[in-house]
Amino acid sequence: DASGARHALRFREALDEHFRTQRGLAFYADRLGVSETHLNRIARTHFGASALGFINRRVVLEAARDLTFTAMSVKEIAFSLGFDDP
């Protein structure tokens, strides 16, 4: 459905912009104007994972990129991704 595809695109865009600081479903659901349940439904349909799973995959992807393409330590990467403890 076109509405679900638009929401999926907006979710991905919001995630790309905020994944370092925002990991909660409520933040993204609110940005899209949908419930957390509906956001999960959209994520499962369009990304093959729950919304939280999709958020976590984005964070892991960025950590892998940083490990591969930067000289940052694991500790620096963890802190750059918003973790208090590496």
PDB file of N, CA and C in Angstrom:
ATOM      1  N   ASP A   1       0.835  -1.176   0.000  1.00  0.00           N
ATOM      2  CA  ASP A   1       0.000   0.000   0.000  1.00  0.00           C
ATOM      3  C   ASP A   1       0.882   1.242   0.000  1.00  0.00           C
ATOM      4  N   ALA A   2       0.457   2.268  -0.691  1.00  0.00           N
ATOM      5  CA  ALA A   2       1.266   3.470  -0.896  1.00  0.00           C
ATOM      6  C   ALA A   2       1.525   4.207   0.416  1.00  0.00           C
ATOM      7  N   SER A   3       0.544   4.242   1.296  1.00  0.00           N
ATOM      8  CA  SER A   3       0.713   4.916   2.578  1.00  0.00           C
ATOM      9  C   SER A   3       1.793   4.224   3.413  1.00  0.00           C
ATOM     10  N   GLY A   4       1.763   2.902   3.436  1.00  0.00           N
ATOM     11  CA  GLY A   4       2.774   2.141   4.171  1.00  0.00           C
ATOM     12  C   GLY A   4       4.161   2.358   3.605  1.00  0.00           C
ATOM     13  N   ALA A   5       4.268   2.429   2.276  1.00  0.00           N
ATOM     14  CA  ALA A   5       5.562   2.663   1.633  1.00  0.00           C
ATOM     15  C   ALA A   5       6.086   4.053   1.976  1.00  0.00           C
ATOM     16  N   ARG A   6       5.211   5.046   2.004  1.00  0.00           N
ATOM     17  CA  ARG A   6       5.625   6.405   2.372  1.00  0.00           C
ATOM     18  C   ARG A   6       6.108   6.454   3.819  1.00  0.00           C
ATOM     19  N   HIS A   7       5.348   5.777   4.700  1.00  0.00           N
ATOM     20  CA  HIS A   7       5.761   5.733   6.100  1.00  0.00           C
ATOM     21  C   HIS A   7       7.097   4.996   6.256  1.00  0.00           C
ATOM     22  N   ALA A   8       7.293   3.935   5.506  1.00  0.00           N
ATOM     23  CA  ALA A   8       8.554   3.190   5.570  1.00  0.00           C
ATOM     24  C   ALA A   8       9.717   4.080   5.139  1.00  0.00           C
ATOM     25  N   LEU A   9       9.531   4.834   4.082  1.00  0.00           N
ATOM     26  CA  LEU A   9      10.572   5.741   3.613  1.00  0.00           C
ATOM     27  C   LEU A   9      10.860   6.825   4.649  1.00  0.00           C
ATOM     28  N   ARG A  10       9.816   7.394   5.214  1.00  0.00           N
ATOM     29  CA  ARG A  10       9.991   8.425   6.238  1.00  0.00           C
ATOM     30  C   ARG A  10      10.659   7.863   7.483  1.00  0.00           C
ATOM     31  N   PHE A  11      10.337   6.610   7.855  1.00  0.00           N
ATOM     32  CA  PHE A  11      10.966   5.963   8.994  1.00  0.00           C
ATOM     33  C   PHE A  11      12.462   5.800   8.729  1.00  0.00           C
ATOM     34  N   ARG A  12      12.807   5.315   7.555  1.00  0.00           N
ATOM     35  CA  ARG A  12      14.221   5.134   7.211  1.00  0.00           C
ATOM     36  C   ARG A  12      14.958   6.479   7.236  1.00  0.00           C
ATOM     37  N   GLU A  13      14.347   7.509   6.692  1.00  0.00           N
ATOM     38  CA  GLU A  13      14.977   8.834   6.687  1.00  0.00           C
ATOM     39  C   GLU A  13      15.176   9.365   8.109  1.00  0.00           C
ATOM     40  N   ALA A  14      14.149   9.229   8.945  1.00  0.00           N
ATOM     41  CA  ALA A  14      14.252   9.686  10.338  1.00  0.00           C
ATOM     42  C   ALA A  14      15.315   8.881  11.077  1.00  0.00           C
ATOM     43  N   LEU A  15      15.367   7.594  10.818  1.00  0.00           N
ATOM     44  CA  LEU A  15      16.359   6.745  11.464  1.00  0.00           C
ATOM     45  C   LEU A  15      17.766   7.139  11.044  1.00  0.00           C
ATOM     46  N   ASP A  16      17.965   7.382   9.764  1.00  0.00           N
ATOM     47  CA  ASP A  16      19.285   7.801   9.291  1.00  0.00           C
ATOM     48  C   ASP A  16      19.721   9.119   9.936  1.00  0.00           C
ATOM     49  N   GLU A  17      18.759   9.963  10.220  1.00  0.00           N
ATOM     50  CA  GLU A  17      19.069  11.264  10.814  1.00  0.00           C
ATOM     51  C   GLU A  17      19.306  11.189  12.329  1.00  0.00           C
ATOM     52  N   HIS A  18      18.612  10.281  13.019  1.00  0.00           N
ATOM     53  CA  HIS A  18      18.593  10.312  14.483  1.00  0.00           C
ATOM     54  C   HIS A  18      19.113   9.053  15.177  1.00  0.00           C
ATOM     55  N   PHE A  19      19.613   8.062  14.452  1.00  0.00           N
ATOM     56  CA  PHE A  19      19.945   6.782  15.090  1.00  0.00           C
ATOM     57  C   PHE A  19      21.018   6.902  16.170  1.00  0.00           C
ATOM     58  N   ARG A  20      21.859   7.916  16.099  1.00  0.00           N
ATOM     59  CA  ARG A  20      22.912   8.066  17.115  1.00  0.00           C
ATOM     60  C   ARG A  20      22.346   8.494  18.470  1.00  0.00           C
ATOM     61  N   THR A  21      21.195   9.143  18.466  1.00  0.00           N
ATOM     62  CA  THR A  21      20.653   9.675  19.716  1.00  0.00           C
ATOM     63  C   THR A  21      19.283   9.126  20.087  1.00  0.00           C
ATOM     64  N   GLN A  22      18.536   8.608  19.142  1.00  0.00           N
ATOM     65  CA  GLN A  22      17.171   8.154  19.409  1.00  0.00           C
ATOM     66  C   GLN A  22      17.008   6.685  19.022  1.00  0.00           C
ATOM     67  N   ARG A  23      16.703   5.861  20.001  1.00  0.00           N
ATOM     68  CA  ARG A  23      16.526   4.446  19.705  1.00  0.00           C
ATOM     69  C   ARG A  23      15.139   3.931  20.083  1.00  0.00           C
ATOM     70  N   GLY A  24      14.333   4.786  20.687  1.00  0.00           N
ATOM     71  CA  GLY A  24      13.018   4.360  21.132  1.00  0.00           C
ATOM     72  C   GLY A  24      11.979   4.386  20.026  1.00  0.00           C
ATOM     73  N   LEU A  25      11.092   3.411  20.066  1.00  0.00           N
ATOM     74  CA  LEU A  25      10.024   3.344  19.063  1.00  0.00           C
ATOM     75  C   LEU A  25       9.099   4.548  19.154  1.00  0.00           C
ATOM     76  N   ALA A  26       8.859   5.022  20.367  1.00  0.00           N
ATOM     77  CA  ALA A  26       7.918   6.135  20.545  1.00  0.00           C
ATOM     78  C   ALA A  26       8.379   7.367  19.765  1.00  0.00           C
ATOM     79  N   PHE A  27       9.668   7.644  19.752  1.00  0.00           N
ATOM     80  CA  PHE A  27      10.189   8.798  19.026  1.00  0.00           C
ATOM     81  C   PHE A  27       9.842   8.699  17.540  1.00  0.00           C
ATOM     82  N   TYR A  28      10.126   7.552  16.935  1.00  0.00           N
ATOM     83  CA  TYR A  28       9.888   7.395  15.495  1.00  0.00           C
ATOM     84  C   TYR A  28       8.402   7.309  15.174  1.00  0.00           C
ATOM     85  N   ALA A  29       7.638   6.639  15.999  1.00  0.00           N
ATOM     86  CA  ALA A  29       6.189   6.561  15.772  1.00  0.00           C
ATOM     87  C   ALA A  29       5.580   7.956  15.828  1.00  0.00           C
ATOM     88  N   ASP A  30       6.012   8.746  16.795  1.00  0.00           N
ATOM     89  CA  ASP A  30       5.508  10.110  16.925  1.00  0.00           C
ATOM     90  C   ASP A  30       5.881  10.949  15.705  1.00  0.00           C
ATOM     91  N   ARG A  31       7.110  10.818  15.228  1.00  0.00           N
ATOM     92  CA  ARG A  31       7.551  11.574  14.038  1.00  0.00           C
ATOM     93  C   ARG A  31       6.709  11.243  12.819  1.00  0.00           C
ATOM     94  N   LEU A  32       6.283   9.967  12.725  1.00  0.00           N
ATOM     95  CA  LEU A  32       5.487   9.536  11.573  1.00  0.00           C
ATOM     96  C   LEU A  32       3.992   9.707  11.791  1.00  0.00           C
ATOM     97  N   GLY A  33       3.592   9.980  13.030  1.00  0.00           N
ATOM     98  CA  GLY A  33       2.175  10.143  13.337  1.00  0.00           C
ATOM     99  C   GLY A  33       1.414   8.833  13.321  1.00  0.00           C
ATOM    100  N   VAL A  34       2.097   7.758  13.743  1.00  0.00           N
ATOM    101  CA  VAL A  34       1.467   6.437  13.805  1.00  0.00           C
ATOM    102  C   VAL A  34       1.721   5.838  15.183  1.00  0.00           C
ATOM    103  N   SER A  35       1.003   4.779  15.499  1.00  0.00           N
ATOM    104  CA  SER A  35       1.238   4.087  16.766  1.00  0.00           C
ATOM    105  C   SER A  35       2.480   3.207  16.647  1.00  0.00           C
ATOM    106  N   GLU A  36       3.025   2.813  17.779  1.00  0.00           N
ATOM    107  CA  GLU A  36       4.171   1.915  17.777  1.00  0.00           C
ATOM    108  C   GLU A  36       3.805   0.577  17.133  1.00  0.00           C
ATOM    109  N   THR A  37       2.590   0.118  17.365  1.00  0.00           N
ATOM    110  CA  THR A  37       2.122  -1.131  16.764  1.00  0.00           C
ATOM    111  C   THR A  37       2.107  -1.018  15.245  1.00  0.00           C
ATOM    112  N   HIS A  38       1.606   0.103  14.755  1.00  0.00           N
ATOM    113  CA  HIS A  38       1.556   0.303  13.302  1.00  0.00           C
ATOM    114  C   HIS A  38       2.963   0.446  12.726  1.00  0.00           C
ATOM    115  N   LEU A  39       3.847   1.120  13.446  1.00  0.00           N
ATOM    116  CA  LEU A  39       5.228   1.246  12.989  1.00  0.00           C
ATOM    117  C   LEU A  39       5.878  -0.140  12.894  1.00  0.00           C
ATOM    118  N   ASN A  40       5.610  -1.002  13.846  1.00  0.00           N
ATOM    119  CA  ASN A  40       6.123  -2.372  13.776  1.00  0.00           C
ATOM    120  C   ASN A  40       5.578  -3.100  12.556  1.00  0.00           C
ATOM    121  N   ARG A  41       4.314  -2.911  12.280  1.00  0.00           N
ATOM    122  CA  ARG A  41       3.688  -3.542  11.119  1.00  0.00           C
ATOM    123  C   ARG A  41       4.355  -3.056   9.827  1.00  0.00           C
ATOM    124  N   ILE A  42       4.580  -1.755   9.737  1.00  0.00           N
ATOM    125  CA  ILE A  42       5.234  -1.170   8.559  1.00  0.00           C
ATOM    126  C   ILE A  42       6.641  -1.738   8.402  1.00  0.00           C
ATOM    127  N   ALA A  43       7.392  -1.764   9.503  1.00  0.00           N
ATOM    128  CA  ALA A  43       8.770  -2.261   9.457  1.00  0.00           C
ATOM    129  C   ALA A  43       8.816  -3.728   9.042  1.00  0.00           C
ATOM    130  N   ARG A  44       7.951  -4.545   9.597  1.00  0.00           N
ATOM    131  CA  ARG A  44       7.937  -5.972   9.224  1.00  0.00           C
ATOM    132  C   ARG A  44       7.605  -6.159   7.744  1.00  0.00           C
ATOM    133  N   THR A  45       6.674  -5.373   7.249  1.00  0.00           N
ATOM    134  CA  THR A  45       6.270  -5.487   5.850  1.00  0.00           C
ATOM    135  C   THR A  45       7.374  -5.025   4.902  1.00  0.00           C
ATOM    136  N   HIS A  46       8.002  -3.897   5.217  1.00  0.00           N
ATOM    137  CA  HIS A  46       8.937  -3.282   4.274  1.00  0.00           C
ATOM    138  C   HIS A  46      10.401  -3.608   4.524  1.00  0.00           C
ATOM    139  N   PHE A  47      10.737  -3.996   5.763  1.00  0.00           N
ATOM    140  CA  PHE A  47      12.140  -4.250   6.086  1.00  0.00           C
ATOM    141  C   PHE A  47      12.403  -5.654   6.609  1.00  0.00           C
ATOM    142  N   GLY A  48      11.352  -6.426   6.805  1.00  0.00           N
ATOM    143  CA  GLY A  48      11.516  -7.804   7.254  1.00  0.00           C
ATOM    144  C   GLY A  48      11.960  -7.947   8.697  1.00  0.00           C
ATOM    145  N   ALA A  49      11.740  -6.910   9.500  1.00  0.00           N
ATOM    146  CA  ALA A  49      12.112  -6.944  10.914  1.00  0.00           C
ATOM    147  C   ALA A  49      11.192  -6.019  11.687  1.00  0.00           C
ATOM    148  N   SER A  50      11.143  -6.207  12.991  1.00  0.00           N
ATOM    149  CA  SER A  50      10.383  -5.271  13.817  1.00  0.00           C
ATOM    150  C   SER A  50      11.034  -3.896  13.717  1.00  0.00           C
ATOM    151  N   ALA A  51      10.333  -2.878  14.140  1.00  0.00           N
ATOM    152  CA  ALA A  51      10.896  -1.531  14.108  1.00  0.00           C
ATOM    153  C   ALA A  51      12.153  -1.461  14.975  1.00  0.00           C
ATOM    154  N   LEU A  52      12.107  -2.053  16.160  1.00  0.00           N
ATOM    155  CA  LEU A  52      13.289  -2.049  17.023  1.00  0.00           C
ATOM    156  C   LEU A  52      14.426  -2.843  16.393  1.00  0.00           C
ATOM    157  N   GLY A  53      14.113  -3.951  15.758  1.00  0.00           N
ATOM    158  CA  GLY A  53      15.134  -4.721  15.046  1.00  0.00           C
ATOM    159  C   GLY A  53      15.768  -3.919  13.931  1.00  0.00           C
ATOM    160  N   PHE A  54      14.958  -3.148  13.223  1.00  0.00           N
ATOM    161  CA  PHE A  54      15.466  -2.302  12.143  1.00  0.00           C
ATOM    162  C   PHE A  54      16.360  -1.195  12.699  1.00  0.00           C
ATOM    163  N   ILE A  55      15.960  -0.601  13.816  1.00  0.00           N
ATOM    164  CA  ILE A  55      16.777   0.420  14.474  1.00  0.00           C
ATOM    165  C   ILE A  55      18.126  -0.194  14.878  1.00  0.00           C
ATOM    166  N   ASN A  56      18.076  -1.352  15.495  1.00  0.00           N
ATOM    167  CA  ASN A  56      19.314  -2.007  15.941  1.00  0.00           C
ATOM    168  C   ASN A  56      20.217  -2.369  14.771  1.00  0.00           C
ATOM    169  N   ARG A  57      19.628  -2.813  13.667  1.00  0.00           N
ATOM    170  CA  ARG A  57      20.438  -3.131  12.483  1.00  0.00           C
ATOM    171  C   ARG A  57      21.154  -1.884  11.980  1.00  0.00           C
ATOM    172  N   ARG A  58      20.499  -0.734  12.039  1.00  0.00           N
ATOM    173  CA  ARG A  58      21.115   0.513  11.573  1.00  0.00           C
ATOM    174  C   ARG A  58      22.309   0.887  12.449  1.00  0.00           C
ATOM    175  N   VAL A  59      22.157   0.720  13.756  1.00  0.00           N
ATOM    176  CA  VAL A  59      23.243   1.036  14.680  1.00  0.00           C
ATOM    177  C   VAL A  59      24.422   0.085  14.451  1.00  0.00           C
ATOM    178  N   VAL A  60      24.145  -1.192  14.282  1.00  0.00           N
ATOM    179  CA  VAL A  60      25.212  -2.173  14.038  1.00  0.00           C
ATOM    180  C   VAL A  60      25.901  -1.885  12.709  1.00  0.00           C
ATOM    181  N   LEU A  61      25.151  -1.518  11.693  1.00  0.00           N
ATOM    182  CA  LEU A  61      25.733  -1.173  10.398  1.00  0.00           C
ATOM    183  C   LEU A  61      26.717  -0.011  10.547  1.00  0.00           C
ATOM    184  N   GLU A  62      26.317   1.013  11.289  1.00  0.00           N
ATOM    185  CA  GLU A  62      27.199   2.163  11.468  1.00  0.00           C
ATOM    186  C   GLU A  62      28.445   1.783  12.262  1.00  0.00           C
ATOM    187  N   ALA A  63      28.281   0.941  13.270  1.00  0.00           N
ATOM    188  CA  ALA A  63      29.442   0.488  14.045  1.00  0.00           C
ATOM    189  C   ALA A  63      30.403  -0.279  13.145  1.00  0.00           C
ATOM    190  N   ALA A  64      29.871  -1.143  12.292  1.00  0.00           N
ATOM    191  CA  ALA A  64      30.719  -1.911  11.369  1.00  0.00           C
ATOM    192  C   ALA A  64      31.435  -0.982  10.389  1.00  0.00           C
ATOM    193  N   ARG A  65      30.730   0.018   9.899  1.00  0.00           N
ATOM    194  CA  ARG A  65      31.360   0.994   8.998  1.00  0.00           C
ATOM    195  C   ARG A  65      32.509   1.721   9.694  1.00  0.00           C
ATOM    196  N   ASP A  66      32.248   2.162  10.924  1.00  0.00           N
ATOM    197  CA  ASP A  66      33.277   2.877  11.666  1.00  0.00           C
ATOM    198  C   ASP A  66      34.479   1.977  11.940  1.00  0.00           C
ATOM    199  N   LEU A  67      34.235   0.730  12.273  1.00  0.00           N
ATOM    200  CA  LEU A  67      35.344  -0.199  12.524  1.00  0.00           C
ATOM    201  C   LEU A  67      36.165  -0.438  11.263  1.00  0.00           C
ATOM    202  N   THR A  68      35.486  -0.482  10.132  1.00  0.00           N
ATOM    203  CA  THR A  68      36.149  -0.775   8.868  1.00  0.00           C
ATOM    204  C   THR A  68      36.867   0.435   8.284  1.00  0.00           C
ATOM    205  N   PHE A  69      36.239   1.580   8.330  1.00  0.00           N
ATOM    206  CA  PHE A  69      36.731   2.726   7.576  1.00  0.00           C
ATOM    207  C   PHE A  69      37.330   3.857   8.403  1.00  0.00           C
ATOM    208  N   THR A  70      37.401   3.708   9.710  1.00  0.00           N
ATOM    209  CA  THR A  70      38.017   4.742  10.535  1.00  0.00           C
ATOM    210  C   THR A  70      39.072   4.120  11.435  1.00  0.00           C
ATOM    211  N   ALA A  71      39.840   4.962  12.048  1.00  0.00           N
ATOM    212  CA  ALA A  71      40.844   4.502  13.016  1.00  0.00           C
ATOM    213  C   ALA A  71      40.308   4.613  14.440  1.00  0.00           C
ATOM    214  N   MET A  72      39.010   4.824  14.570  1.00  0.00           N
ATOM    215  CA  MET A  72      38.398   4.964  15.893  1.00  0.00           C
ATOM    216  C   MET A  72      38.497   3.663  16.666  1.00  0.00           C
ATOM    217  N   SER A  73      38.654   3.783  17.972  1.00  0.00           N
ATOM    218  CA  SER A  73      38.654   2.597  18.833  1.00  0.00           C
ATOM    219  C   SER A  73      37.212   2.140  19.060  1.00  0.00           C
ATOM    220  N   VAL A  74      37.065   0.952  19.568  1.00  0.00           N
ATOM    221  CA  VAL A  74      35.727   0.441  19.887  1.00  0.00           C
ATOM    222  C   VAL A  74      35.059   1.362  20.901  1.00  0.00           C
ATOM    223  N   LYS A  75      35.820   1.828  21.862  1.00  0.00           N
ATOM    224  CA  LYS A  75      35.284   2.740  22.871  1.00  0.00           C
ATOM    225  C   LYS A  75      34.783   4.032  22.221  1.00  0.00           C
ATOM    226  N   GLU A  76      35.559   4.609  21.312  1.00  0.00           N
ATOM    227  CA  GLU A  76      35.153   5.838  20.631  1.00  0.00           C
ATOM    228  C   GLU A  76      33.896   5.612  19.789  1.00  0.00           C
ATOM    229  N   ILE A  77      33.842   4.478  19.113  1.00  0.00           N
ATOM    230  CA  ILE A  77      32.669   4.153  18.292  1.00  0.00           C
ATOM    231  C   ILE A  77      31.439   4.005  19.174  1.00  0.00           C
ATOM    232  N   ALA A  78      31.590   3.298  20.272  1.00  0.00           N
ATOM    233  CA  ALA A  78      30.459   3.108  21.195  1.00  0.00           C
ATOM    234  C   ALA A  78      29.929   4.449  21.679  1.00  0.00           C
ATOM    235  N   PHE A  79      30.814   5.316  22.095  1.00  0.00           N
ATOM    236  CA  PHE A  79      30.383   6.633  22.580  1.00  0.00           C
ATOM    237  C   PHE A  79      29.757   7.458  21.459  1.00  0.00           C
ATOM    238  N   SER A  80      30.292   7.364  20.239  1.00  0.00           N
ATOM    239  CA  SER A  80      29.732   8.126  19.122  1.00  0.00           C
ATOM    240  C   SER A  80      28.335   7.657  18.750  1.00  0.00           C
ATOM    241  N   LEU A  81      28.029   6.406  19.114  1.00  0.00           N
ATOM    242  CA  LEU A  81      26.711   5.850  18.824  1.00  0.00           C
ATOM    243  C   LEU A  81      25.755   5.964  20.023  1.00  0.00           C
ATOM    244  N   GLY A  82      26.186   6.698  21.041  1.00  0.00           N
ATOM    245  CA  GLY A  82      25.285   6.967  22.163  1.00  0.00           C
ATOM    246  C   GLY A  82      25.309   5.966  23.282  1.00  0.00           C
ATOM    247  N   PHE A  83      26.280   5.053  23.280  1.00  0.00           N
ATOM    248  CA  PHE A  83      26.372   4.090  24.368  1.00  0.00           C
ATOM    249  C   PHE A  83      27.258   4.658  25.465  1.00  0.00           C
ATOM    250  N   ASP A  84      26.891   4.408  26.718  1.00  0.00           N
ATOM    251  CA  ASP A  84      27.673   4.874  27.857  1.00  0.00           C
ATOM    252  C   ASP A  84      28.843   3.944  28.166  1.00  0.00           C
ATOM    253  N   ASP A  85      28.718   2.699  27.701  1.00  0.00           N
ATOM    254  CA  ASP A  85      29.709   1.676  28.017  1.00  0.00           C
ATOM    255  C   ASP A  85      30.030   0.900  26.737  1.00  0.00           C
ATOM    256  N   PRO A  86      31.310   0.828  26.394  1.00  0.00           N
ATOM    257  CA  PRO A  86      31.674   0.132  25.150  1.00  0.00           C
ATOM    258  C   PRO A  86      31.337  -1.343  25.221  1.00  0.00           C
TER     259      PRO A  86
END
